[in-house]
N, C-alpha and C. Protein backbone atom coordinates (compact mmCIF):
# COMPACT_ATOMS: atom_id res chain seq x y z
N MET A 1 -32.76 -31.66 15.96
CA MET A 1 -32.98 -30.85 17.15
C MET A 1 -34.24 -30.02 16.99
N SER A 2 -34.90 -29.78 18.09
CA SER A 2 -36.12 -28.99 18.09
C SER A 2 -35.97 -27.86 19.09
N LYS A 3 -35.55 -26.71 18.58
CA LYS A 3 -35.28 -25.57 19.46
C LYS A 3 -36.59 -24.89 19.87
N GLN A 4 -36.59 -24.44 21.11
CA GLN A 4 -37.76 -23.73 21.63
C GLN A 4 -37.27 -22.66 22.59
N ALA A 5 -38.05 -21.61 22.73
CA ALA A 5 -37.75 -20.56 23.70
C ALA A 5 -38.95 -20.41 24.62
N ALA A 6 -38.67 -20.15 25.89
CA ALA A 6 -39.75 -19.97 26.87
C ALA A 6 -39.38 -18.83 27.81
N THR A 7 -40.39 -18.11 28.25
CA THR A 7 -40.22 -17.12 29.30
C THR A 7 -40.87 -17.70 30.55
N ILE A 8 -40.06 -17.85 31.59
CA ILE A 8 -40.52 -18.47 32.83
C ILE A 8 -40.58 -17.40 33.91
N TYR A 9 -41.77 -17.14 34.43
CA TYR A 9 -41.95 -16.12 35.47
C TYR A 9 -41.70 -16.73 36.84
N ILE A 10 -40.82 -16.09 37.61
CA ILE A 10 -40.31 -16.66 38.85
C ILE A 10 -40.55 -15.71 40.02
N GLU A 11 -41.06 -16.24 41.13
CA GLU A 11 -41.20 -15.48 42.36
C GLU A 11 -40.14 -15.95 43.35
N GLY A 12 -39.70 -15.04 44.21
CA GLY A 12 -38.78 -15.41 45.27
C GLY A 12 -37.35 -14.94 45.06
N MET A 13 -37.05 -14.40 43.88
CA MET A 13 -35.70 -13.88 43.65
C MET A 13 -35.60 -12.48 44.26
N THR A 14 -34.59 -12.27 45.10
CA THR A 14 -34.45 -10.98 45.78
C THR A 14 -33.12 -10.29 45.53
N CYS A 15 -32.16 -10.99 44.91
CA CYS A 15 -30.83 -10.40 44.72
C CYS A 15 -30.12 -11.06 43.56
N GLN A 16 -28.94 -10.56 43.24
CA GLN A 16 -28.17 -11.14 42.14
C GLN A 16 -27.71 -12.57 42.46
N GLY A 17 -27.58 -12.88 43.74
CA GLY A 17 -27.25 -14.26 44.13
C GLY A 17 -28.35 -15.22 43.72
N CYS A 18 -29.60 -14.77 43.86
CA CYS A 18 -30.74 -15.59 43.43
C CYS A 18 -30.70 -15.79 41.92
N VAL A 19 -30.40 -14.72 41.20
CA VAL A 19 -30.31 -14.79 39.74
C VAL A 19 -29.25 -15.82 39.35
N LYS A 20 -28.10 -15.75 40.01
CA LYS A 20 -27.01 -16.69 39.71
C LYS A 20 -27.42 -18.12 40.02
N SER A 21 -28.16 -18.32 41.10
CA SER A 21 -28.63 -19.67 41.46
C SER A 21 -29.53 -20.24 40.36
N VAL A 22 -30.44 -19.42 39.84
CA VAL A 22 -31.34 -19.88 38.78
C VAL A 22 -30.54 -20.16 37.51
N VAL A 23 -29.65 -19.25 37.14
CA VAL A 23 -28.83 -19.44 35.93
C VAL A 23 -28.01 -20.73 36.03
N ASN A 24 -27.35 -20.92 37.16
CA ASN A 24 -26.52 -22.12 37.33
C ASN A 24 -27.34 -23.40 37.28
N ALA A 25 -28.49 -23.40 37.94
CA ALA A 25 -29.33 -24.60 37.98
C ALA A 25 -29.86 -24.94 36.58
N VAL A 26 -30.40 -23.96 35.89
CA VAL A 26 -31.00 -24.21 34.57
C VAL A 26 -29.92 -24.54 33.54
N SER A 27 -28.80 -23.84 33.61
CA SER A 27 -27.71 -24.08 32.66
C SER A 27 -27.16 -25.50 32.75
N ALA A 28 -27.27 -26.10 33.92
CA ALA A 28 -26.75 -27.46 34.13
C ALA A 28 -27.59 -28.53 33.46
N LEU A 29 -28.82 -28.19 33.06
CA LEU A 29 -29.69 -29.17 32.42
C LEU A 29 -29.23 -29.45 30.99
N SER A 30 -29.21 -30.72 30.63
CA SER A 30 -28.87 -31.10 29.27
C SER A 30 -29.92 -30.57 28.31
N GLY A 31 -29.48 -29.95 27.24
CA GLY A 31 -30.41 -29.42 26.24
C GLY A 31 -30.67 -27.94 26.35
N VAL A 32 -30.22 -27.31 27.43
CA VAL A 32 -30.42 -25.86 27.59
C VAL A 32 -29.29 -25.13 26.86
N ASP A 33 -29.67 -24.24 25.94
CA ASP A 33 -28.68 -23.49 25.16
C ASP A 33 -28.29 -22.19 25.84
N SER A 34 -29.29 -21.47 26.37
CA SER A 34 -29.00 -20.20 27.02
C SER A 34 -30.06 -19.86 28.06
N VAL A 35 -29.64 -19.09 29.06
CA VAL A 35 -30.54 -18.64 30.12
C VAL A 35 -30.23 -17.18 30.40
N ASP A 36 -31.25 -16.34 30.35
CA ASP A 36 -31.09 -14.92 30.68
C ASP A 36 -32.14 -14.60 31.74
N VAL A 37 -31.69 -14.29 32.96
CA VAL A 37 -32.60 -14.05 34.07
C VAL A 37 -32.62 -12.56 34.41
N SER A 38 -33.83 -12.01 34.55
CA SER A 38 -34.01 -10.61 34.93
C SER A 38 -34.62 -10.54 36.33
N LEU A 39 -33.86 -10.00 37.27
CA LEU A 39 -34.37 -9.82 38.63
C LEU A 39 -35.51 -8.81 38.64
N GLU A 40 -35.36 -7.73 37.87
CA GLU A 40 -36.37 -6.66 37.83
C GLU A 40 -37.69 -7.15 37.25
N LYS A 41 -37.62 -7.92 36.17
CA LYS A 41 -38.84 -8.39 35.51
C LYS A 41 -39.34 -9.71 36.07
N LYS A 42 -38.55 -10.32 36.97
CA LYS A 42 -38.91 -11.57 37.62
C LYS A 42 -39.17 -12.69 36.64
N HIS A 43 -38.28 -12.82 35.63
CA HIS A 43 -38.44 -13.93 34.70
C HIS A 43 -37.11 -14.38 34.14
N ALA A 44 -37.14 -15.57 33.54
CA ALA A 44 -35.99 -16.13 32.85
C ALA A 44 -36.40 -16.43 31.42
N ASP A 45 -35.56 -16.00 30.49
CA ASP A 45 -35.74 -16.37 29.09
C ASP A 45 -34.80 -17.54 28.83
N VAL A 46 -35.37 -18.67 28.44
CA VAL A 46 -34.59 -19.89 28.27
C VAL A 46 -34.74 -20.39 26.83
N SER A 47 -33.60 -20.69 26.20
CA SER A 47 -33.58 -21.30 24.89
C SER A 47 -33.11 -22.75 25.10
N PHE A 48 -33.86 -23.71 24.57
CA PHE A 48 -33.55 -25.11 24.84
C PHE A 48 -34.01 -26.02 23.72
N ASP A 49 -33.51 -27.25 23.76
CA ASP A 49 -33.88 -28.29 22.81
C ASP A 49 -34.95 -29.15 23.47
N MET A 50 -36.17 -29.06 22.97
CA MET A 50 -37.29 -29.74 23.63
C MET A 50 -37.23 -31.26 23.49
N THR A 51 -36.31 -31.79 22.69
CA THR A 51 -36.14 -33.24 22.63
C THR A 51 -35.25 -33.73 23.77
N GLN A 52 -34.57 -32.79 24.46
CA GLN A 52 -33.68 -33.16 25.56
C GLN A 52 -34.19 -32.73 26.93
N VAL A 53 -34.98 -31.66 26.98
CA VAL A 53 -35.47 -31.17 28.26
C VAL A 53 -36.88 -30.60 28.06
N SER A 54 -37.77 -30.86 29.02
CA SER A 54 -39.16 -30.42 28.91
C SER A 54 -39.41 -29.18 29.77
N LEU A 55 -40.54 -28.55 29.53
CA LEU A 55 -40.94 -27.40 30.36
C LEU A 55 -41.12 -27.83 31.81
N ASP A 56 -41.65 -29.02 32.01
CA ASP A 56 -41.83 -29.53 33.37
C ASP A 56 -40.48 -29.70 34.08
N GLU A 57 -39.47 -30.16 33.34
CA GLU A 57 -38.13 -30.30 33.93
C GLU A 57 -37.52 -28.95 34.26
N LEU A 58 -37.77 -27.96 33.42
CA LEU A 58 -37.29 -26.60 33.71
C LEU A 58 -37.96 -26.07 34.97
N ARG A 59 -39.28 -26.25 35.07
CA ARG A 59 -40.03 -25.81 36.24
C ARG A 59 -39.49 -26.48 37.50
N GLU A 60 -39.33 -27.80 37.44
CA GLU A 60 -38.85 -28.56 38.59
C GLU A 60 -37.45 -28.11 39.02
N CYS A 61 -36.60 -27.85 38.06
CA CYS A 61 -35.23 -27.42 38.34
C CYS A 61 -35.23 -26.09 39.10
N ILE A 62 -36.04 -25.14 38.66
CA ILE A 62 -36.11 -23.83 39.30
C ILE A 62 -36.72 -23.96 40.70
N GLU A 63 -37.76 -24.77 40.82
CA GLU A 63 -38.38 -24.97 42.13
C GLU A 63 -37.44 -25.69 43.09
N ASP A 64 -36.65 -26.65 42.58
CA ASP A 64 -35.67 -27.33 43.41
C ASP A 64 -34.58 -26.38 43.90
N ALA A 65 -34.34 -25.31 43.13
CA ALA A 65 -33.35 -24.30 43.52
C ALA A 65 -33.91 -23.35 44.59
N GLY A 66 -35.22 -23.49 44.90
CA GLY A 66 -35.81 -22.71 45.99
C GLY A 66 -36.70 -21.55 45.57
N PHE A 67 -37.12 -21.56 44.31
CA PHE A 67 -37.95 -20.46 43.82
C PHE A 67 -39.28 -20.99 43.30
N ASP A 68 -40.26 -20.10 43.17
CA ASP A 68 -41.58 -20.49 42.71
C ASP A 68 -41.77 -20.08 41.26
N VAL A 69 -42.17 -21.04 40.42
CA VAL A 69 -42.49 -20.75 39.04
C VAL A 69 -43.98 -20.38 38.98
N MET A 70 -44.25 -19.16 38.53
CA MET A 70 -45.63 -18.67 38.50
C MET A 70 -46.31 -18.95 37.15
N ASN A 71 -45.53 -18.90 36.07
CA ASN A 71 -46.11 -19.04 34.74
C ASN A 71 -45.00 -19.32 33.74
N ILE A 72 -45.34 -20.04 32.68
CA ILE A 72 -44.39 -20.28 31.58
C ILE A 72 -45.09 -19.92 30.28
N GLN A 73 -44.44 -19.08 29.50
CA GLN A 73 -45.00 -18.69 28.20
C GLN A 73 -44.03 -19.03 27.10
């Protein structure tokens, strides 16, 4: 396994329902270990196995949930 952590900056979240939508969408991806979303800081901290899921897949998942990914670090 190849563990990696990323901070994904997200625009468009306005409430805890939005936070839950992002958490549920990202958590459903194979290879994601944990997701911590901050509405105030407008980002998600994601721990994942990069052999199972890519940064592009994480971005696409969040965008498919209706939010804009501004940056990934």
